[in-house]
mmCIF file of all heavy atoms, coordinates in Angstrom:
data_MODEL
# 
_entry.id   MODEL 
# 
loop_
_atom_site.group_PDB 
_atom_site.id 
_atom_site.type_symbol 
_atom_site.label_atom_id 
_atom_site.label_alt_id 
_atom_site.label_comp_id 
_atom_site.label_asym_id 
_atom_site.label_entity_id 
_atom_site.label_seq_id 
_atom_site.pdbx_PDB_ins_code 
_atom_site.Cartn_x 
_atom_site.Cartn_y 
_atom_site.Cartn_z 
_atom_site.occupancy 
_atom_site.B_iso_or_equiv 
_atom_site.pdbx_formal_charge 
_atom_site.auth_seq_id 
_atom_site.auth_comp_id 
_atom_site.auth_asym_id 
_atom_site.auth_atom_id 
_atom_site.pdbx_PDB_model_num 
ATOM 1   N N   . ILE A 1 1  ? -19.544 -13.264 -21.074 1.00 0.00 ? 1  ILE A N   1 
ATOM 2   C CA  . ILE A 1 1  ? -19.111 -12.112 -21.885 1.00 0.00 ? 1  ILE A CA  1 
ATOM 3   C C   . ILE A 1 1  ? -17.690 -12.373 -22.358 1.00 0.00 ? 1  ILE A C   1 
ATOM 4   O O   . ILE A 1 1  ? -16.814 -12.708 -21.547 1.00 0.00 ? 1  ILE A O   1 
ATOM 5   C CB  . ILE A 1 1  ? -19.153 -10.817 -21.054 1.00 0.00 ? 1  ILE A CB  1 
ATOM 6   C CG1 . ILE A 1 1  ? -20.564 -10.575 -20.509 1.00 0.00 ? 1  ILE A CG1 1 
ATOM 7   C CG2 . ILE A 1 1  ? -18.691 -9.613  -21.879 1.00 0.00 ? 1  ILE A CG2 1 
ATOM 8   C CD1 . ILE A 1 1  ? -20.627 -9.453  -19.488 1.00 0.00 ? 1  ILE A CD1 1 
ATOM 9   N N   . PRO A 1 2  ? -17.421 -12.197 -23.649 1.00 0.00 ? 2  PRO A N   1 
ATOM 10  C CA  . PRO A 1 2  ? -16.046 -12.357 -24.144 1.00 0.00 ? 2  PRO A CA  1 
ATOM 11  C C   . PRO A 1 2  ? -15.123 -11.338 -23.474 1.00 0.00 ? 2  PRO A C   1 
ATOM 12  O O   . PRO A 1 2  ? -15.509 -10.191 -23.230 1.00 0.00 ? 2  PRO A O   1 
ATOM 13  C CB  . PRO A 1 2  ? -16.177 -12.102 -25.646 1.00 0.00 ? 2  PRO A CB  1 
ATOM 14  C CG  . PRO A 1 2  ? -17.623 -12.298 -25.956 1.00 0.00 ? 2  PRO A CG  1 
ATOM 15  C CD  . PRO A 1 2  ? -18.373 -11.907 -24.735 1.00 0.00 ? 2  PRO A CD  1 
ATOM 16  N N   . SER A 1 3  ? -13.888 -11.726 -23.188 1.00 0.00 ? 3  SER A N   1 
ATOM 17  C CA  . SER A 1 3  ? -12.945 -10.836 -22.495 1.00 0.00 ? 3  SER A CA  1 
ATOM 18  C C   . SER A 1 3  ? -12.669 -9.563  -23.279 1.00 0.00 ? 3  SER A C   1 
ATOM 19  O O   . SER A 1 3  ? -12.428 -8.502  -22.697 1.00 0.00 ? 3  SER A O   1 
ATOM 20  C CB  . SER A 1 3  ? -11.631 -11.581 -22.221 1.00 0.00 ? 3  SER A CB  1 
ATOM 21  O OG  . SER A 1 3  ? -11.066 -12.055 -23.432 1.00 0.00 ? 3  SER A OG  1 
ATOM 22  N N   . GLU A 1 4  ? -12.722 -9.648  -24.614 1.00 0.00 ? 4  GLU A N   1 
ATOM 23  C CA  . GLU A 1 4  ? -12.456 -8.451  -25.416 1.00 0.00 ? 4  GLU A CA  1 
ATOM 24  C C   . GLU A 1 4  ? -13.565 -7.408  -25.304 1.00 0.00 ? 4  GLU A C   1 
ATOM 25  O O   . GLU A 1 4  ? -13.397 -6.252  -25.724 1.00 0.00 ? 4  GLU A O   1 
ATOM 26  C CB  . GLU A 1 4  ? -12.236 -8.818  -26.888 1.00 0.00 ? 4  GLU A CB  1 
ATOM 27  C CG  . GLU A 1 4  ? -13.415 -9.506  -27.555 1.00 0.00 ? 4  GLU A CG  1 
ATOM 28  C CD  . GLU A 1 4  ? -13.333 -11.017 -27.457 1.00 0.00 ? 4  GLU A CD  1 
ATOM 29  O OE1 . GLU A 1 4  ? -12.592 -11.527 -26.575 1.00 0.00 ? 4  GLU A OE1 1 
ATOM 30  O OE2 . GLU A 1 4  ? -14.003 -11.691 -28.267 1.00 0.00 ? 4  GLU A OE2 1 
ATOM 31  N N   . ASP A 1 5  ? -14.717 -7.819  -24.738 1.00 0.00 ? 5  ASP A N   1 
ATOM 32  C CA  . ASP A 1 5  ? -15.839 -6.887  -24.595 1.00 0.00 ? 5  ASP A CA  1 
ATOM 33  C C   . ASP A 1 5  ? -15.911 -6.258  -23.200 1.00 0.00 ? 5  ASP A C   1 
ATOM 34  O O   . ASP A 1 5  ? -16.784 -5.439  -22.939 1.00 0.00 ? 5  ASP A O   1 
ATOM 35  C CB  . ASP A 1 5  ? -17.165 -7.604  -24.877 1.00 0.00 ? 5  ASP A CB  1 
ATOM 36  C CG  . ASP A 1 5  ? -17.333 -7.969  -26.343 1.00 0.00 ? 5  ASP A CG  1 
ATOM 37  O OD1 . ASP A 1 5  ? -16.676 -7.312  -27.171 1.00 0.00 ? 5  ASP A OD1 1 
ATOM 38  O OD2 . ASP A 1 5  ? -18.103 -8.886  -26.651 1.00 0.00 ? 5  ASP A OD2 1 
ATOM 39  N N   . PHE A 1 6  ? -14.984 -6.623  -22.305 1.00 0.00 ? 6  PHE A N   1 
ATOM 40  C CA  . PHE A 1 6  ? -15.058 -6.129  -20.927 1.00 0.00 ? 6  PHE A CA  1 
ATOM 41  C C   . PHE A 1 6  ? -15.030 -4.600  -20.864 1.00 0.00 ? 6  PHE A C   1 
ATOM 42  O O   . PHE A 1 6  ? -15.750 -3.994  -20.078 1.00 0.00 ? 6  PHE A O   1 
ATOM 43  C CB  . PHE A 1 6  ? -13.903 -6.705  -20.099 1.00 0.00 ? 6  PHE A CB  1 
ATOM 44  C CG  . PHE A 1 6  ? -14.128 -8.111  -19.640 1.00 0.00 ? 6  PHE A CG  1 
ATOM 45  C CD1 . PHE A 1 6  ? -15.182 -8.873  -20.135 1.00 0.00 ? 6  PHE A CD1 1 
ATOM 46  C CD2 . PHE A 1 6  ? -13.284 -8.700  -18.709 1.00 0.00 ? 6  PHE A CD2 1 
ATOM 47  C CE1 . PHE A 1 6  ? -15.387 -10.181 -19.714 1.00 0.00 ? 6  PHE A CE1 1 
ATOM 48  C CE2 . PHE A 1 6  ? -13.478 -9.997  -18.271 1.00 0.00 ? 6  PHE A CE2 1 
ATOM 49  C CZ  . PHE A 1 6  ? -14.537 -10.744 -18.786 1.00 0.00 ? 6  PHE A CZ  1 
ATOM 50  N N   . ASP A 1 7  ? -14.187 -3.969  -21.688 1.00 0.00 ? 7  ASP A N   1 
ATOM 51  C CA  . ASP A 1 7  ? -14.028 -2.511  -21.637 1.00 0.00 ? 7  ASP A CA  1 
ATOM 52  C C   . ASP A 1 7  ? -15.239 -1.770  -22.192 1.00 0.00 ? 7  ASP A C   1 
ATOM 53  O O   . ASP A 1 7  ? -15.407 -0.578  -21.939 1.00 0.00 ? 7  ASP A O   1 
ATOM 54  C CB  . ASP A 1 7  ? -12.779 -2.081  -22.420 1.00 0.00 ? 7  ASP A CB  1 
ATOM 55  C CG  . ASP A 1 7  ? -11.495 -2.546  -21.742 1.00 0.00 ? 7  ASP A CG  1 
ATOM 56  O OD1 . ASP A 1 7  ? -11.536 -2.797  -20.523 1.00 0.00 ? 7  ASP A OD1 1 
ATOM 57  O OD2 . ASP A 1 7  ? -10.473 -2.682  -22.438 1.00 0.00 ? 7  ASP A OD2 1 
ATOM 58  N N   . ARG A 1 8  ? -16.075 -2.484  -22.949 1.00 0.00 ? 8  ARG A N   1 
ATOM 59  C CA  . ARG A 1 8  ? -17.200 -1.800  -23.612 1.00 0.00 ? 8  ARG A CA  1 
ATOM 60  C C   . ARG A 1 8  ? -18.552 -2.148  -23.012 1.00 0.00 ? 8  ARG A C   1 
ATOM 61  O O   . ARG A 1 8  ? -19.563 -1.595  -23.428 1.00 0.00 ? 8  ARG A O   1 
ATOM 62  C CB  . ARG A 1 8  ? -17.207 -2.162  -25.103 1.00 0.00 ? 8  ARG A CB  1 
ATOM 63  C CG  . ARG A 1 8  ? -15.917 -1.836  -25.833 1.00 0.00 ? 8  ARG A CG  1 
ATOM 64  C CD  . ARG A 1 8  ? -16.105 -2.001  -27.326 1.00 0.00 ? 8  ARG A CD  1 
ATOM 65  N NE  . ARG A 1 8  ? -17.148 -1.128  -27.828 1.00 0.00 ? 8  ARG A NE  1 
ATOM 66  C CZ  . ARG A 1 8  ? -17.704 -1.258  -29.040 1.00 0.00 ? 8  ARG A CZ  1 
ATOM 67  N NH1 . ARG A 1 8  ? -17.312 -2.230  -29.850 1.00 0.00 ? 8  ARG A NH1 1 
ATOM 68  N NH2 . ARG A 1 8  ? -18.648 -0.431  -29.430 1.00 0.00 ? 8  ARG A NH2 1 
ATOM 69  N N   . ILE A 1 9  ? -18.557 -3.042  -22.048 1.00 0.00 ? 9  ILE A N   1 
ATOM 70  C CA  . ILE A 1 9  ? -19.822 -3.567  -21.555 1.00 0.00 ? 9  ILE A CA  1 
ATOM 71  C C   . ILE A 1 9  ? -20.705 -2.481  -20.934 1.00 0.00 ? 9  ILE A C   1 
ATOM 72  O O   . ILE A 1 9  ? -21.934 -2.581  -20.919 1.00 0.00 ? 9  ILE A O   1 
ATOM 73  C CB  . ILE A 1 9  ? -19.566 -4.710  -20.541 1.00 0.00 ? 9  ILE A CB  1 
ATOM 74  C CG1 . ILE A 1 9  ? -20.847 -5.537  -20.321 1.00 0.00 ? 9  ILE A CG1 1 
ATOM 75  C CG2 . ILE A 1 9  ? -19.059 -4.166  -19.229 1.00 0.00 ? 9  ILE A CG2 1 
ATOM 76  C CD1 . ILE A 1 9  ? -21.267 -6.299  -21.534 1.00 0.00 ? 9  ILE A CD1 1 
ATOM 77  N N   . PHE A 1 10 ? -20.071 -1.396  -20.408 1.00 0.00 ? 10 PHE A N   1 
ATOM 78  C CA  . PHE A 1 10 ? -20.840 -0.329  -19.777 1.00 0.00 ? 10 PHE A CA  1 
ATOM 79  C C   . PHE A 1 10 ? -21.121 0.845   -20.722 1.00 0.00 ? 10 PHE A C   1 
ATOM 80  O O   . PHE A 1 10 ? -21.620 1.872   -20.290 1.00 0.00 ? 10 PHE A O   1 
ATOM 81  C CB  . PHE A 1 10 ? -20.110 0.173   -18.527 1.00 0.00 ? 10 PHE A CB  1 
ATOM 82  C CG  . PHE A 1 10 ? -20.009 -0.864  -17.444 1.00 0.00 ? 10 PHE A CG  1 
ATOM 83  C CD1 . PHE A 1 10 ? -18.830 -1.565  -17.238 1.00 0.00 ? 10 PHE A CD1 1 
ATOM 84  C CD2 . PHE A 1 10 ? -21.102 -1.163  -16.649 1.00 0.00 ? 10 PHE A CD2 1 
ATOM 85  C CE1 . PHE A 1 10 ? -18.740 -2.524  -16.247 1.00 0.00 ? 10 PHE A CE1 1 
ATOM 86  C CE2 . PHE A 1 10 ? -21.018 -2.123  -15.651 1.00 0.00 ? 10 PHE A CE2 1 
ATOM 87  C CZ  . PHE A 1 10 ? -19.834 -2.813  -15.455 1.00 0.00 ? 10 PHE A CZ  1 
ATOM 88  N N   . GLU A 1 11 ? -20.786 0.670   -22.017 1.00 0.00 ? 11 GLU A N   1 
ATOM 89  C CA  . GLU A 1 11 ? -21.096 1.708   -22.998 1.00 0.00 ? 11 GLU A CA  1 
ATOM 90  C C   . GLU A 1 11 ? -22.590 1.706   -23.302 1.00 0.00 ? 11 GLU A C   1 
ATOM 91  O O   . GLU A 1 11 ? -23.274 0.685   -23.186 1.00 0.00 ? 11 GLU A O   1 
ATOM 92  C CB  . GLU A 1 11 ? -20.311 1.472   -24.292 1.00 0.00 ? 11 GLU A CB  1 
ATOM 93  C CG  . GLU A 1 11 ? -18.827 1.701   -24.165 1.00 0.00 ? 11 GLU A CG  1 
ATOM 94  C CD  . GLU A 1 11 ? -18.110 1.487   -25.487 1.00 0.00 ? 11 GLU A CD  1 
ATOM 95  O OE1 . GLU A 1 11 ? -18.802 1.330   -26.517 1.00 0.00 ? 11 GLU A OE1 1 
ATOM 96  O OE2 . GLU A 1 11 ? -16.870 1.463   -25.489 1.00 0.00 ? 11 GLU A OE2 1 
ATOM 97  N N   . ARG A 1 12 ? -23.075 2.843   -23.716 1.00 0.00 ? 12 ARG A N   1 
ATOM 98  C CA  . ARG A 1 12 ? -24.494 2.979   -24.019 1.00 0.00 ? 12 ARG A CA  1 
ATOM 99  C C   . ARG A 1 12 ? -24.840 2.242   -25.316 1.00 0.00 ? 12 ARG A C   1 
ATOM 100 O O   . ARG A 1 12 ? -24.129 2.376   -26.310 1.00 0.00 ? 12 ARG A O   1 
ATOM 101 C CB  . ARG A 1 12 ? -24.867 4.459   -24.134 1.00 0.00 ? 12 ARG A CB  1 
ATOM 102 C CG  . ARG A 1 12 ? -24.578 5.192   -22.832 1.00 0.00 ? 12 ARG A CG  1 
ATOM 103 C CD  . ARG A 1 12 ? -24.698 6.676   -22.973 1.00 0.00 ? 12 ARG A CD  1 
ATOM 104 N NE  . ARG A 1 12 ? -24.265 7.312   -21.720 1.00 0.00 ? 12 ARG A NE  1 
ATOM 105 C CZ  . ARG A 1 12 ? -24.424 8.595   -21.449 1.00 0.00 ? 12 ARG A CZ  1 
ATOM 106 N NH1 . ARG A 1 12 ? -24.980 9.386   -22.340 1.00 0.00 ? 12 ARG A NH1 1 
ATOM 107 N NH2 . ARG A 1 12 ? -24.017 9.077   -20.299 1.00 0.00 ? 12 ARG A NH2 1 
ATOM 108 N N   . PHE A 1 13 ? -25.917 1.519   -25.266 1.00 0.00 ? 13 PHE A N   1 
ATOM 109 C CA  . PHE A 1 13 ? -26.448 0.762   -26.400 1.00 0.00 ? 13 PHE A CA  1 
ATOM 110 C C   . PHE A 1 13 ? -25.555 -0.411  -26.806 1.00 0.00 ? 13 PHE A C   1 
ATOM 111 O O   . PHE A 1 13 ? -25.759 -0.999  -27.858 1.00 0.00 ? 13 PHE A O   1 
ATOM 112 C CB  . PHE A 1 13 ? -26.686 1.661   -27.631 1.00 0.00 ? 13 PHE A CB  1 
ATOM 113 C CG  . PHE A 1 13 ? -27.715 2.727   -27.396 1.00 0.00 ? 13 PHE A CG  1 
ATOM 114 C CD1 . PHE A 1 13 ? -27.344 4.054   -27.299 1.00 0.00 ? 13 PHE A CD1 1 
ATOM 115 C CD2 . PHE A 1 13 ? -29.047 2.409   -27.260 1.00 0.00 ? 13 PHE A CD2 1 
ATOM 116 C CE1 . PHE A 1 13 ? -28.287 5.049   -27.078 1.00 0.00 ? 13 PHE A CE1 1 
ATOM 117 C CE2 . PHE A 1 13 ? -30.002 3.399   -27.032 1.00 0.00 ? 13 PHE A CE2 1 
ATOM 118 C CZ  . PHE A 1 13 ? -29.627 4.710   -26.945 1.00 0.00 ? 13 PHE A CZ  1 
ATOM 119 N N   . TYR A 1 14 ? -24.552 -0.731  -25.969 1.00 0.00 ? 14 TYR A N   1 
ATOM 120 C CA  . TYR A 1 14 ? -23.704 -1.866  -26.321 1.00 0.00 ? 14 TYR A CA  1 
ATOM 121 C C   . TYR A 1 14 ? -24.337 -3.158  -25.810 1.00 0.00 ? 14 TYR A C   1 
ATOM 122 O O   . TYR A 1 14 ? -24.768 -3.245  -24.656 1.00 0.00 ? 14 TYR A O   1 
ATOM 123 C CB  . TYR A 1 14 ? -22.305 -1.720  -25.731 1.00 0.00 ? 14 TYR A CB  1 
ATOM 124 C CG  . TYR A 1 14 ? -21.371 -2.822  -26.190 1.00 0.00 ? 14 TYR A CG  1 
ATOM 125 C CD1 . TYR A 1 14 ? -20.818 -2.788  -27.464 1.00 0.00 ? 14 TYR A CD1 1 
ATOM 126 C CD2 . TYR A 1 14 ? -21.094 -3.915  -25.367 1.00 0.00 ? 14 TYR A CD2 1 
ATOM 127 C CE1 . TYR A 1 14 ? -19.977 -3.803  -27.899 1.00 0.00 ? 14 TYR A CE1 1 
ATOM 128 C CE2 . TYR A 1 14 ? -20.255 -4.927  -25.798 1.00 0.00 ? 14 TYR A CE2 1 
ATOM 129 C CZ  . TYR A 1 14 ? -19.709 -4.866  -27.065 1.00 0.00 ? 14 TYR A CZ  1 
ATOM 130 O OH  . TYR A 1 14 ? -18.896 -5.876  -27.504 1.00 0.00 ? 14 TYR A OH  1 
ATOM 131 N N   . ARG A 1 15 ? -24.386 -4.142  -26.685 1.00 0.00 ? 15 ARG A N   1 
ATOM 132 C CA  . ARG A 1 15 ? -24.961 -5.437  -26.333 1.00 0.00 ? 15 ARG A CA  1 
ATOM 133 C C   . ARG A 1 15 ? -23.990 -6.537  -26.712 1.00 0.00 ? 15 ARG A C   1 
ATOM 134 O O   . ARG A 1 15 ? -23.405 -6.519  -27.791 1.00 0.00 ? 15 ARG A O   1 
ATOM 135 C CB  . ARG A 1 15 ? -26.284 -5.681  -27.078 1.00 0.00 ? 15 ARG A CB  1 
ATOM 136 C CG  . ARG A 1 15 ? -27.378 -4.659  -26.793 1.00 0.00 ? 15 ARG A CG  1 
ATOM 137 C CD  . ARG A 1 15 ? -28.626 -5.047  -27.558 1.00 0.00 ? 15 ARG A CD  1 
ATOM 138 N NE  . ARG A 1 15 ? -29.728 -4.120  -27.320 1.00 0.00 ? 15 ARG A NE  1 
ATOM 139 C CZ  . ARG A 1 15 ? -29.959 -3.053  -28.057 1.00 0.00 ? 15 ARG A CZ  1 
ATOM 140 N NH1 . ARG A 1 15 ? -29.161 -2.787  -29.084 1.00 0.00 ? 15 ARG A NH1 1 
ATOM 141 N NH2 . ARG A 1 15 ? -30.983 -2.275  -27.802 1.00 0.00 ? 15 ARG A NH2 1 
ATOM 142 N N   . VAL A 1 16 ? -23.851 -7.518  -25.833 1.00 0.00 ? 16 VAL A N   1 
ATOM 143 C CA  . VAL A 1 16 ? -23.010 -8.672  -26.154 1.00 0.00 ? 16 VAL A CA  1 
ATOM 144 C C   . VAL A 1 16 ? -23.711 -9.544  -27.171 1.00 0.00 ? 16 VAL A C   1 
ATOM 145 O O   . VAL A 1 16 ? -23.136 -9.963  -28.175 1.00 0.00 ? 16 VAL A O   1 
ATOM 146 C CB  . VAL A 1 16 ? -22.701 -9.486  -24.869 1.00 0.00 ? 16 VAL A CB  1 
ATOM 147 C CG1 . VAL A 1 16 ? -21.913 -10.741 -25.222 1.00 0.00 ? 16 VAL A CG1 1 
ATOM 148 C CG2 . VAL A 1 16 ? -21.928 -8.629  -23.882 1.00 0.00 ? 16 VAL A CG2 1 
ATOM 149 N N   . ASP A 1 17 ? -24.983 -9.839  -26.930 1.00 0.00 ? 17 ASP A N   1 
ATOM 150 C CA  . ASP A 1 17 ? -25.789 -10.643 -27.844 1.00 0.00 ? 17 ASP A CA  1 
ATOM 151 C C   . ASP A 1 17 ? -26.964 -9.791  -28.291 1.00 0.00 ? 17 ASP A C   1 
ATOM 152 O O   . ASP A 1 17 ? -27.984 -9.695  -27.616 1.00 0.00 ? 17 ASP A O   1 
ATOM 153 C CB  . ASP A 1 17 ? -26.271 -11.916 -27.138 1.00 0.00 ? 17 ASP A CB  1 
ATOM 154 C CG  . ASP A 1 17 ? -26.950 -12.885 -28.100 1.00 0.00 ? 17 ASP A CG  1 
ATOM 155 O OD1 . ASP A 1 17 ? -27.438 -12.431 -29.157 1.00 0.00 ? 17 ASP A OD1 1 
ATOM 156 O OD2 . ASP A 1 17 ? -26.995 -14.083 -27.772 1.00 0.00 ? 17 ASP A OD2 1 
ATOM 157 N N   . LYS A 1 18 ? -26.822 -9.133  -29.446 1.00 0.00 ? 18 LYS A N   1 
ATOM 158 C CA  . LYS A 1 18 ? -27.815 -8.160  -29.887 1.00 0.00 ? 18 LYS A CA  1 
ATOM 159 C C   . LYS A 1 18 ? -29.163 -8.812  -30.173 1.00 0.00 ? 18 LYS A C   1 
ATOM 160 O O   . LYS A 1 18 ? -30.218 -8.272  -29.862 1.00 0.00 ? 18 LYS A O   1 
ATOM 161 C CB  . LYS A 1 18 ? -27.309 -7.429  -31.131 1.00 0.00 ? 18 LYS A CB  1 
ATOM 162 C CG  . LYS A 1 18 ? -26.067 -6.590  -30.859 1.00 0.00 ? 18 LYS A CG  1 
ATOM 163 C CD  . LYS A 1 18 ? -25.642 -5.818  -32.082 1.00 0.00 ? 18 LYS A CD  1 
ATOM 164 C CE  . LYS A 1 18 ? -24.401 -4.967  -31.781 1.00 0.00 ? 18 LYS A CE  1 
ATOM 165 N NZ  . LYS A 1 18 ? -23.966 -4.197  -32.951 1.00 0.00 ? 18 LYS A NZ  1 
ATOM 166 N N   . SER A 1 19 ? -29.125 -9.974  -30.783 1.00 0.00 ? 19 SER A N   1 
ATOM 167 C CA  . SER A 1 19 ? -30.387 -10.622 -31.137 1.00 0.00 ? 19 SER A CA  1 
ATOM 168 C C   . SER A 1 19 ? -31.166 -11.008 -29.886 1.00 0.00 ? 19 SER A C   1 
ATOM 169 O O   . SER A 1 19 ? -32.372 -10.803 -29.801 1.00 0.00 ? 19 SER A O   1 
ATOM 170 C CB  . SER A 1 19 ? -30.115 -11.857 -32.000 1.00 0.00 ? 19 SER A CB  1 
ATOM 171 O OG  . SER A 1 19 ? -29.294 -12.780 -31.297 1.00 0.00 ? 19 SER A OG  1 
ATOM 172 N N   . ARG A 1 20 ? -30.476 -11.542 -28.875 1.00 0.00 ? 20 ARG A N   1 
ATOM 173 C CA  . ARG A 1 20 ? -31.148 -11.951 -27.653 1.00 0.00 ? 20 ARG A CA  1 
ATOM 174 C C   . ARG A 1 20 ? -31.658 -10.724 -26.897 1.00 0.00 ? 20 ARG A C   1 
ATOM 175 O O   . ARG A 1 20 ? -32.758 -10.738 -26.350 1.00 0.00 ? 20 ARG A O   1 
ATOM 176 C CB  . ARG A 1 20 ? -30.205 -12.750 -26.762 1.00 0.00 ? 20 ARG A CB  1 
ATOM 177 C CG  . ARG A 1 20 ? -30.862 -13.143 -25.438 1.00 0.00 ? 20 ARG A CG  1 
ATOM 178 C CD  . ARG A 1 20 ? -29.930 -13.932 -24.543 1.00 0.00 ? 20 ARG A CD  1 
ATOM 179 N NE  . ARG A 1 20 ? -29.625 -15.229 -25.099 1.00 0.00 ? 20 ARG A NE  1 
ATOM 180 C CZ  . ARG A 1 20 ? -29.523 -16.339 -24.379 1.00 0.00 ? 20 ARG A CZ  1 
ATOM 181 N NH1 . ARG A 1 20 ? -29.763 -16.294 -23.078 1.00 0.00 ? 20 ARG A NH1 1 
ATOM 182 N NH2 . ARG A 1 20 ? -29.190 -17.475 -24.932 1.00 0.00 ? 20 ARG A NH2 1 
ATOM 183 N N   . SER A 1 21 ? -30.860 -9.660  -26.870 1.00 0.00 ? 21 SER A N   1 
ATOM 184 C CA  . SER A 1 21 ? -31.249 -8.464  -26.137 1.00 0.00 ? 21 SER A CA  1 
ATOM 185 C C   . SER A 1 21 ? -32.525 -7.868  -26.699 1.00 0.00 ? 21 SER A C   1 
ATOM 186 O O   . SER A 1 21 ? -33.451 -7.531  -25.965 1.00 0.00 ? 21 SER A O   1 
ATOM 187 C CB  . SER A 1 21 ? -30.127 -7.428  -26.184 1.00 0.00 ? 21 SER A CB  1 
ATOM 188 O OG  . SER A 1 21 ? -30.508 -6.260  -25.519 1.00 0.00 ? 21 SER A OG  1 
ATOM 189 N N   . LYS A 1 22 ? -32.603 -7.732  -28.007 1.00 0.00 ? 22 LYS A N   1 
ATOM 190 C CA  . LYS A 1 22 ? -33.787 -7.146  -28.618 1.00 0.00 ? 22 LYS A CA  1 
ATOM 191 C C   . LYS A 1 22 ? -34.986 -8.066  -28.464 1.00 0.00 ? 22 LYS A C   1 
ATOM 192 O O   . LYS A 1 22 ? -36.119 -7.619  -28.264 1.00 0.00 ? 22 LYS A O   1 
ATOM 193 C CB  . LYS A 1 22 ? -33.520 -6.851  -30.091 1.00 0.00 ? 22 LYS A CB  1 
ATOM 194 C CG  . LYS A 1 22 ? -32.520 -5.724  -30.302 1.00 0.00 ? 22 LYS A CG  1 
ATOM 195 C CD  . LYS A 1 22 ? -32.357 -5.391  -31.769 1.00 0.00 ? 22 LYS A CD  1 
ATOM 196 C CE  . LYS A 1 22 ? -31.392 -4.225  -31.966 1.00 0.00 ? 22 LYS A CE  1 
ATOM 197 N NZ  . LYS A 1 22 ? -31.212 -3.860  -33.383 1.00 0.00 ? 22 LYS A NZ  1 
ATOM 198 N N   . ALA A 1 23 ? -34.745 -9.364  -28.559 1.00 0.00 ? 23 ALA A N   1 
ATOM 199 C CA  . ALA A 1 23 ? -35.851 -10.321 -28.453 1.00 0.00 ? 23 ALA A CA  1 
ATOM 200 C C   . ALA A 1 23 ? -36.451 -10.320 -27.060 1.00 0.00 ? 23 ALA A C   1 
ATOM 201 O O   . ALA A 1 23 ? -37.644 -10.571 -26.881 1.00 0.00 ? 23 ALA A O   1 
ATOM 202 C CB  . ALA A 1 23 ? -35.362 -11.733 -28.808 1.00 0.00 ? 23 ALA A CB  1 
ATOM 203 N N   . THR A 1 24 ? -35.642 -10.027 -26.061 1.00 0.00 ? 24 THR A N   1 
ATOM 204 C CA  . THR A 1 24 ? -36.124 -10.035 -24.677 1.00 0.00 ? 24 THR A CA  1 
ATOM 205 C C   . THR A 1 24 ? -36.436 -8.642  -24.148 1.00 0.00 ? 24 THR A C   1 
ATOM 206 O O   . THR A 1 24 ? -36.685 -8.470  -22.958 1.00 0.00 ? 24 THR A O   1 
ATOM 207 C CB  . THR A 1 24 ? -35.072 -10.691 -23.766 1.00 0.00 ? 24 THR A CB  1 
ATOM 208 O OG1 . THR A 1 24 ? -33.831 -10.009 -23.920 1.00 0.00 ? 24 THR A OG1 1 
ATOM 209 C CG2 . THR A 1 24 ? -34.909 -12.156 -24.126 1.00 0.00 ? 24 THR A CG2 1 
ATOM 210 N N   . GLY A 1 25 ? -36.381 -7.631  -25.022 1.00 0.00 ? 25 GLY A N   1 
ATOM 211 C CA  . GLY A 1 25 ? -36.769 -6.272  -24.615 1.00 0.00 ? 25 GLY A CA  1 
ATOM 212 C C   . GLY A 1 25 ? -35.652 -5.431  -24.052 1.00 0.00 ? 25 GLY A C   1 
ATOM 213 O O   . GLY A 1 25 ? -35.907 -4.403  -23.427 1.00 0.00 ? 25 GLY A O   1 
# 
């Protein structure tokens, strides 16, 4: 996870890799 995303990782609907997340359900 990129360090700039640490504060948002627990937000709702937030994804680090959106394409991978949707592809894997």
